[in-house]
Each structure stands twice: as C-alpha cells, then as structure tokens.
Protein backbone atom coordinates (compact mmCIF):
# COMPACT_ATOMS: atom_id res chain seq x y z
CA MET A 1 71.98 107.18 69.68
CA ARG A 2 73.69 109.06 72.50
CA THR A 3 71.57 109.78 75.55
CA GLN A 4 71.88 112.98 77.52
CA PRO A 5 72.02 113.05 81.30
CA LYS A 6 68.69 113.57 83.04
CA TRP A 7 69.60 117.18 83.90
CA GLY A 8 69.85 118.01 80.18
CA LEU A 9 73.51 119.14 79.93
CA ARG A 10 75.70 118.14 77.05
CA GLU A 11 78.82 116.21 78.05
CA SER A 12 81.23 118.98 76.96
CA LEU A 13 79.36 121.57 79.04
CA MET A 14 79.22 119.21 81.98
CA MET A 15 83.00 118.63 81.81
CA ARG A 16 83.67 122.39 81.69
CA ILE A 17 81.56 122.81 84.81
CA LEU A 18 83.14 119.87 86.64
CA ARG A 19 86.61 121.28 85.94
CA TYR A 20 85.90 123.90 88.63
CA VAL A 21 84.61 121.40 91.19
CA PRO A 22 87.52 120.48 93.50
CA LYS A 23 86.85 116.74 93.53
CA TYR A 24 87.00 116.59 89.73
CA SER A 25 89.58 119.26 88.97
CA SER A 26 92.84 117.39 89.49
CA ASP A 27 94.75 116.97 86.24
CA GLU A 28 97.60 115.06 87.81
CA PRO A 29 98.00 111.29 87.49
CA ASP A 30 97.37 108.99 90.41
CA GLY A 31 100.29 108.98 92.81
CA GLY A 32 100.80 112.73 92.44
CA LEU A 33 100.96 115.20 95.27
CA ASP A 34 97.19 115.65 95.60
CA SER A 35 96.49 111.92 95.71
CA VAL A 36 99.19 111.38 98.35
CA PHE A 37 97.77 114.07 100.63
CA ARG A 38 94.20 112.91 99.92
CA ALA A 39 95.17 109.37 100.97
CA LEU A 40 96.81 110.65 104.15
CA ALA A 41 93.94 112.98 105.07
CA ASP A 42 92.22 110.39 107.26
CA PRO A 43 93.64 109.47 110.71
CA THR A 44 92.77 105.79 110.25
CA ARG A 45 94.74 105.66 107.00
CA ARG A 46 97.69 107.41 108.67
CA ALA A 47 97.60 104.78 111.44
CA ILE A 48 97.58 102.03 108.81
CA VAL A 49 100.61 103.62 107.12
CA GLU A 50 102.38 103.78 110.50
CA ARG A 51 101.70 100.08 111.02
CA LEU A 52 102.90 99.19 107.50
CA ALA A 53 106.12 101.13 108.15
CA ARG A 54 107.06 98.23 110.45
CA GLY A 55 106.53 95.71 107.64
CA PRO A 56 103.87 93.97 105.52
CA ALA A 57 100.61 92.96 107.20
CA SER A 58 97.40 91.16 106.32
CA VAL A 59 94.07 92.94 106.18
CA SER A 60 92.93 91.27 109.40
CA ASP A 61 96.16 92.32 111.17
CA LEU A 62 95.66 95.90 109.98
CA ALA A 63 92.01 95.86 111.13
CA ALA A 64 92.75 94.46 114.62
CA PRO A 65 93.43 97.78 116.44
CA PHE A 66 90.32 99.46 115.04
CA GLU A 67 86.72 99.04 116.17
CA VAL A 68 85.33 99.12 112.64
CA ALA A 69 84.08 96.47 110.25
CA LEU A 70 86.59 94.77 107.97
CA PRO A 71 85.03 96.28 104.81
CA THR A 72 85.73 99.75 106.24
CA ILE A 73 89.43 98.91 106.55
CA VAL A 74 89.38 97.55 103.00
CA GLN A 75 87.96 100.89 101.80
CA HIS A 76 90.79 102.72 103.58
CA LEU A 77 93.31 100.38 101.97
CA LYS A 78 91.78 101.05 98.54
CA ALA A 79 92.19 104.79 99.15
CA LEU A 80 95.85 104.23 100.07
CA GLU A 81 96.29 102.13 96.92
CA ALA A 82 94.67 104.88 94.82
CA GLY A 83 97.29 107.27 96.21
CA ARG A 84 99.93 104.66 95.33
CA LEU A 85 101.18 104.55 98.90
CA VAL A 86 100.58 100.84 99.42
CA SER A 87 100.47 97.75 97.26
CA SER A 88 99.02 94.33 97.93
CA ALA A 89 99.62 90.72 97.06
CA LYS A 90 97.25 87.82 97.53
CA ILE A 91 98.72 84.50 98.57
CA GLY A 92 96.04 81.87 98.91
CA ARG A 93 93.19 83.44 100.85
CA VAL A 94 95.31 86.09 102.57
CA ARG A 95 95.84 89.56 101.10
CA THR A 96 98.96 91.25 102.41
CA TYR A 97 99.69 94.98 102.13
CA GLN A 98 103.03 96.77 102.17
CA LEU A 99 104.26 100.33 101.67
CA VAL A 100 105.42 101.20 98.16
CA PRO A 101 109.11 102.18 98.16
CA ASP A 102 109.57 105.94 97.58
CA ALA A 103 105.79 106.47 97.72
CA PHE A 104 106.26 109.62 99.78
CA ALA A 105 109.02 111.07 97.59
CA THR A 106 106.66 113.48 95.80
CA ALA A 107 105.29 114.86 99.08
CA ILE A 108 108.73 115.03 100.71
CA ASP A 109 110.18 116.91 97.73
CA TRP A 110 107.28 119.38 97.74
CA LEU A 111 107.57 119.94 101.50
CA HIS A 112 111.31 120.44 101.15
CA ASP A 113 110.72 123.05 98.46
CA GLN A 114 108.30 124.89 100.75
CA ARG A 115 110.66 124.97 103.72
CA PRO A 116 113.16 127.67 102.64
CA PRO A 117 110.61 130.51 102.32
CA ALA A 118 109.10 129.60 105.67
CA GLN A 119 112.56 129.34 107.21
CA ARG A 120 113.45 132.82 105.89
CA GLN A 121 110.29 134.19 107.51
CA VAL A 122 111.28 132.65 110.84
CA ASP A 123 114.78 134.13 110.51
CA ARG A 124 113.33 137.60 109.83
CA LEU A 125 110.97 137.26 112.80
CA THR A 126 113.86 136.25 115.05
CA ALA A 127 115.91 139.25 113.90
CA LEU A 128 112.94 141.56 114.49
CA LEU A 129 112.40 140.18 118.00
CA VAL A 130 116.09 140.53 118.85
CA GLU A 131 116.05 144.11 117.52
CA SER A 132 112.90 144.97 119.50
CA THR A 133 114.47 143.81 122.77
CA ARG A 134 117.43 146.21 122.43
CA ASN A 135 117.31 149.51 124.33
CA PRO A 136 118.27 152.84 122.66
CA GLU A 137 121.96 152.33 123.54
CA GLY A 138 122.05 149.08 121.51
CA GLU A 139 122.16 146.72 124.47
CA GLN A 140 119.73 143.86 124.93
CA GLN A 141 117.25 144.26 127.77
C-alpha cells in the first residue's frame, strides 16, 4: 500500500507544485549551465576552483587557507562535484581533487552568446554620447 505524505497531497499534485519552486524546477542534467553557476555561487567554492586551477590538491591542502572545519570543505567539494566542475580520486587514505577538463565550456559558451547584444548596446551608447557632445555646427565640444 502506498502512503501519502503527511500533508495529504498526492505525488502527482506535489510534483506539479514543486515544478514552480526554483530549487526543484531545473530540467537540465547535472553539469548544465544552472549547476555550473550554482556551484560557483559561493566565494569559498570559487577560491577552491582558483586553487585547483594550479593543479590537483588533497582535501587537507584545499582546507588549509580557510578557517572552517574539514567537513565544511568536503561539503563545498561535493557541491563542485555535483556541478561537474571537479573530480576526485582516492589513493590510499588521501582524496585528491582536480578540475574537470572543459567543465566551464557550457558557461563560457553561454556568456559568449550573451556578449554581442550587450556589446551592441555599448556601441549605441558610445555613439549617443559622441553625438550629444557635438555643438550645432557638428563639431565636438
């Protein structure tokens, strides 16, 4: 027999409701654009990525610059793994993390696609400012 949640909603109704809740609404697979930006949303995780850009490092090496408990760093690393930005390998008792090659390709491609419209807006603004600095005779002031 199937049990219903304590709040009394059927599963299908609950899923229709959760579809509109931001945390549950992503239809993209892990490693997509949302998961990359979600993983990079925290400054500690960005600092870890910066460190890993120099090469692989153990969890204790990654935790050294931060004044937080080791389990906190492990949670950050799990978030980066969920975004498929880092991968790990365990050799003996040491777990080493490294950046995944081309992990940022999705985000870089999206940002590149967004640049031309923004660049056109800057070009129009520049032209408007140049035009506004001209006097009635057509000379710049």
